[in-house]
Amino acid sequence: MKSLTLSLLIAAACLAPSAHAAEPAAYSASECITLSTDQQVVRAGAERDMLLRNADQHYIVRFKDNCSSVAQSRTFSFVTPDREGQLCGGGVSSVVTKSQKCEVAALESITPAQFSARARARAR
């Protein structure tokens, strides 16, 4: 019985590093989108996220932390070091206002219908 338990513990220890290595990277190039000049941004209620229509693609841009200045600021910009014209998740890109810099944690693709419904709900 002791040898079976010891064998199981050794097997589990050997599998643990390979399971850890199989985890996805915190950031990958596939998390980036090329920004279009044809955009619609919904910032109402944007403390944790905002809505982005980029040409015919629709996204929820999720912030790492609270970013209340995005909804209040007159202007903002997407900033992605060394990747001008792109927006990336994983903390690579930021949304910058006059008073705050907010890391983009993730870009969540949504359907046009979901975008419209969420935009209407935020306008209330």
C-alpha atoms as a PDB file:
ATOM      1  CA  MET A   1       0.000   0.000   0.000  1.00  0.00           C
ATOM      2  CA  LYS A   2       2.851   2.374   0.885  1.00  0.00           C
ATOM      3  CA  SER A   3       4.567   1.732  -2.439  1.00  0.00           C
ATOM      4  CA  LEU A   4       1.327   2.433  -4.357  1.00  0.00           C
ATOM      5  CA  THR A   5       0.856   5.747  -2.516  1.00  0.00           C
ATOM      6  CA  LEU A   6       4.494   6.680  -3.093  1.00  0.00           C
ATOM      7  CA  SER A   7       4.184   5.774  -6.787  1.00  0.00           C
ATOM      8  CA  LEU A   8       1.089   7.962  -7.130  1.00  0.00           C
ATOM      9  CA  LEU A   9       2.822  10.891  -5.441  1.00  0.00           C
ATOM     10  CA  ILE A  10       5.836  10.572  -7.723  1.00  0.00           C
ATOM     11  CA  ALA A  11       3.609  10.343 -10.802  1.00  0.00           C
ATOM     12  CA  ALA A  12       1.639  13.419  -9.704  1.00  0.00           C
ATOM     13  CA  ALA A  13       4.858  15.354  -9.108  1.00  0.00           C
ATOM     14  CA  CYS A  14       6.119  14.437 -12.563  1.00  0.00           C
ATOM     15  CA  LEU A  15       2.877  15.512 -14.221  1.00  0.00           C
ATOM     16  CA  ALA A  16       2.630  18.844 -12.410  1.00  0.00           C
ATOM     17  CA  PRO A  17       5.374  20.641 -14.406  1.00  0.00           C
ATOM     18  CA  SER A  18       3.988  19.446 -17.725  1.00  0.00           C
ATOM     19  CA  ALA A  19       0.475  20.556 -16.763  1.00  0.00           C
ATOM     20  CA  HIS A  20       1.879  23.956 -15.825  1.00  0.00           C
ATOM     21  CA  ALA A  21       3.760  24.185 -19.125  1.00  0.00           C
ATOM     22  CA  ALA A  22       0.533  23.499 -21.026  1.00  0.00           C
ATOM     23  CA  GLU A  23      -1.162  26.613 -19.605  1.00  0.00           C
ATOM     24  CA  PRO A  24      -1.742  29.319 -22.219  1.00  0.00           C
ATOM     25  CA  ALA A  25       0.537  32.328 -22.225  1.00  0.00           C
ATOM     26  CA  ALA A  26      -0.765  35.462 -20.548  1.00  0.00           C
ATOM     27  CA  TYR A  27      -0.417  37.277 -23.866  1.00  0.00           C
ATOM     28  CA  SER A  28      -0.322  36.088 -27.441  1.00  0.00           C
ATOM     29  CA  ALA A  29      -0.325  37.895 -30.779  1.00  0.00           C
ATOM     30  CA  SER A  30      -3.803  36.515 -31.477  1.00  0.00           C
ATOM     31  CA  GLU A  31      -5.149  38.770 -28.732  1.00  0.00           C
ATOM     32  CA  CYS A  32      -4.421  41.834 -30.873  1.00  0.00           C
ATOM     33  CA  ILE A  33      -6.729  43.468 -33.363  1.00  0.00           C
ATOM     34  CA  THR A  34      -5.869  46.032 -35.999  1.00  0.00           C
ATOM     35  CA  LEU A  35      -7.813  49.203 -35.310  1.00  0.00           C
ATOM     36  CA  SER A  36      -9.976  50.562 -38.115  1.00  0.00           C
ATOM     37  CA  THR A  37     -10.845  54.186 -38.731  1.00  0.00           C
ATOM     38  CA  ASP A  38     -14.486  52.997 -38.738  1.00  0.00           C
ATOM     39  CA  GLN A  39     -15.102  52.692 -34.989  1.00  0.00           C
ATOM     40  CA  GLN A  40     -17.887  53.131 -32.506  1.00  0.00           C
ATOM     41  CA  VAL A  41     -17.003  53.239 -28.824  1.00  0.00           C
ATOM     42  CA  VAL A  42     -19.562  53.063 -26.028  1.00  0.00           C
ATOM     43  CA  ARG A  43     -18.041  54.484 -22.847  1.00  0.00           C
ATOM     44  CA  ALA A  44     -21.167  55.025 -20.741  1.00  0.00           C
ATOM     45  CA  GLY A  45     -20.817  52.976 -17.566  1.00  0.00           C
ATOM     46  CA  ALA A  46     -17.202  52.211 -18.452  1.00  0.00           C
ATOM     47  CA  GLU A  47     -15.607  51.445 -15.139  1.00  0.00           C
ATOM     48  CA  ARG A  48     -14.516  47.863 -15.815  1.00  0.00           C
ATOM     49  CA  ASP A  49     -14.997  47.682 -19.587  1.00  0.00           C
ATOM     50  CA  MET A  50     -16.154  49.530 -22.680  1.00  0.00           C
ATOM     51  CA  LEU A  51     -17.720  48.472 -25.958  1.00  0.00           C
ATOM     52  CA  LEU A  52     -15.874  48.747 -29.262  1.00  0.00           C
ATOM     53  CA  ARG A  53     -17.185  48.295 -32.786  1.00  0.00           C
ATOM     54  CA  ASN A  54     -14.150  48.066 -35.030  1.00  0.00           C
ATOM     55  CA  ALA A  55     -15.417  48.007 -38.644  1.00  0.00           C
ATOM     56  CA  ASP A  56     -17.603  44.878 -38.679  1.00  0.00           C
ATOM     57  CA  GLN A  57     -16.104  43.341 -35.509  1.00  0.00           C
ATOM     58  CA  HIS A  58     -17.540  43.897 -32.026  1.00  0.00           C
ATOM     59  CA  TYR A  59     -15.722  43.662 -28.689  1.00  0.00           C
ATOM     60  CA  ILE A  60     -15.899  44.216 -24.990  1.00  0.00           C
ATOM     61  CA  VAL A  61     -12.613  45.844 -23.992  1.00  0.00           C
ATOM     62  CA  ARG A  62     -12.033  44.706 -20.405  1.00  0.00           C
ATOM     63  CA  PHE A  63      -9.800  46.719 -18.080  1.00  0.00           C
ATOM     64  CA  LYS A  64      -7.451  45.198 -15.531  1.00  0.00           C
ATOM     65  CA  ASP A  65      -8.647  47.636 -12.847  1.00  0.00           C
ATOM     66  CA  ASN A  66     -11.348  50.255 -12.421  1.00  0.00           C
ATOM     67  CA  CYS A  67     -11.100  52.903 -15.136  1.00  0.00           C
ATOM     68  CA  SER A  68     -13.836  55.423 -14.352  1.00  0.00           C
ATOM     69  CA  SER A  69     -12.118  58.269 -16.202  1.00  0.00           C
ATOM     70  CA  VAL A  70     -12.870  56.632 -19.569  1.00  0.00           C
ATOM     71  CA  ALA A  71     -16.565  57.404 -19.184  1.00  0.00           C
ATOM     72  CA  GLN A  72     -15.928  60.912 -17.870  1.00  0.00           C
ATOM     73  CA  SER A  73     -13.099  62.110 -20.097  1.00  0.00           C
ATOM     74  CA  ARG A  74     -13.733  64.104 -23.263  1.00  0.00           C
ATOM     75  CA  THR A  75     -10.968  62.266 -25.078  1.00  0.00           C
ATOM     76  CA  PHE A  76      -9.032  59.036 -24.778  1.00  0.00           C
ATOM     77  CA  SER A  77      -6.611  57.040 -26.874  1.00  0.00           C
ATOM     78  CA  PHE A  78      -5.598  53.436 -27.335  1.00  0.00           C
ATOM     79  CA  VAL A  79      -1.862  53.038 -26.734  1.00  0.00           C
ATOM     80  CA  THR A  80       0.066  49.896 -27.664  1.00  0.00           C
ATOM     81  CA  PRO A  81       3.859  50.213 -27.426  1.00  0.00           C
ATOM     82  CA  ASP A  82       5.665  49.049 -30.574  1.00  0.00           C
ATOM     83  CA  ARG A  83       2.333  48.117 -32.222  1.00  0.00           C
ATOM     84  CA  GLU A  84       0.846  51.337 -33.538  1.00  0.00           C
ATOM     85  CA  GLY A  85      -2.684  50.878 -34.830  1.00  0.00           C
ATOM     86  CA  GLN A  86      -3.304  47.727 -32.815  1.00  0.00           C
ATOM     87  CA  LEU A  87      -5.200  46.970 -29.639  1.00  0.00           C
ATOM     88  CA  CYS A  88      -4.067  44.021 -27.537  1.00  0.00           C
ATOM     89  CA  GLY A  89      -5.208  42.321 -24.362  1.00  0.00           C
ATOM     90  CA  GLY A  90      -2.994  40.868 -21.666  1.00  0.00           C
ATOM     91  CA  GLY A  91      -1.926  44.266 -20.334  1.00  0.00           C
ATOM     92  CA  VAL A  92      -0.040  45.106 -23.543  1.00  0.00           C
ATOM     93  CA  SER A  93      -2.364  47.966 -24.566  1.00  0.00           C
ATOM     94  CA  SER A  94      -3.741  50.761 -22.434  1.00  0.00           C
ATOM     95  CA  VAL A  95      -6.602  53.208 -22.690  1.00  0.00           C
ATOM     96  CA  VAL A  96      -5.202  56.617 -21.783  1.00  0.00           C
ATOM     97  CA  THR A  97      -7.200  59.629 -20.641  1.00  0.00           C
ATOM     98  CA  LYS A  98      -5.954  62.955 -19.289  1.00  0.00           C
ATOM     99  CA  SER A  99      -6.094  61.613 -15.726  1.00  0.00           C
ATOM    100  CA  GLN A 100      -5.704  57.834 -15.975  1.00  0.00           C
ATOM    101  CA  LYS A 101      -3.927  55.029 -17.813  1.00  0.00           C
ATOM    102  CA  CYS A 102      -5.904  51.781 -17.817  1.00  0.00           C
ATOM    103  CA  GLU A 103      -4.429  48.447 -18.860  1.00  0.00           C
ATOM    104  CA  VAL A 104      -6.503  46.376 -21.265  1.00  0.00           C
ATOM    105  CA  ALA A 105      -6.839  42.949 -19.660  1.00  0.00           C
ATOM    106  CA  ALA A 106      -8.797  41.277 -22.465  1.00  0.00           C
ATOM    107  CA  LEU A 107     -10.666  41.741 -25.711  1.00  0.00           C
ATOM    108  CA  GLU A 108     -13.863  39.717 -25.776  1.00  0.00           C
ATOM    109  CA  SER A 109     -15.443  39.216 -29.178  1.00  0.00           C
ATOM    110  CA  ILE A 110     -19.238  39.592 -29.197  1.00  0.00           C
ATOM    111  CA  THR A 111     -21.933  39.524 -31.864  1.00  0.00           C
ATOM    112  CA  PRO A 112     -23.433  42.667 -33.412  1.00  0.00           C
ATOM    113  CA  ALA A 113     -26.716  41.899 -31.609  1.00  0.00           C
ATOM    114  CA  GLN A 114     -24.921  41.632 -28.249  1.00  0.00           C
ATOM    115  CA  PHE A 115     -23.123  44.906 -28.946  1.00  0.00           C
ATOM    116  CA  SER A 116     -26.389  46.693 -29.755  1.00  0.00           C
ATOM    117  CA  ALA A 117     -28.163  45.299 -26.694  1.00  0.00           C
ATOM    118  CA  ARG A 118     -25.320  46.248 -24.362  1.00  0.00           C
ATOM    119  CA  ALA A 119     -25.028  49.718 -25.928  1.00  0.00           C
ATOM    120  CA  ARG A 120     -28.773  50.330 -25.439  1.00  0.00           C
ATOM    121  CA  ALA A 121     -28.597  49.118 -21.819  1.00  0.00           C
ATOM    122  CA  ARG A 122     -25.723  51.514 -21.061  1.00  0.00           C
ATOM    123  CA  ALA A 123     -27.565  54.458 -22.592  1.00  0.00           C
ATOM    124  CA  ARG A 124     -30.382  54.201 -20.036  1.00  0.00           C
END
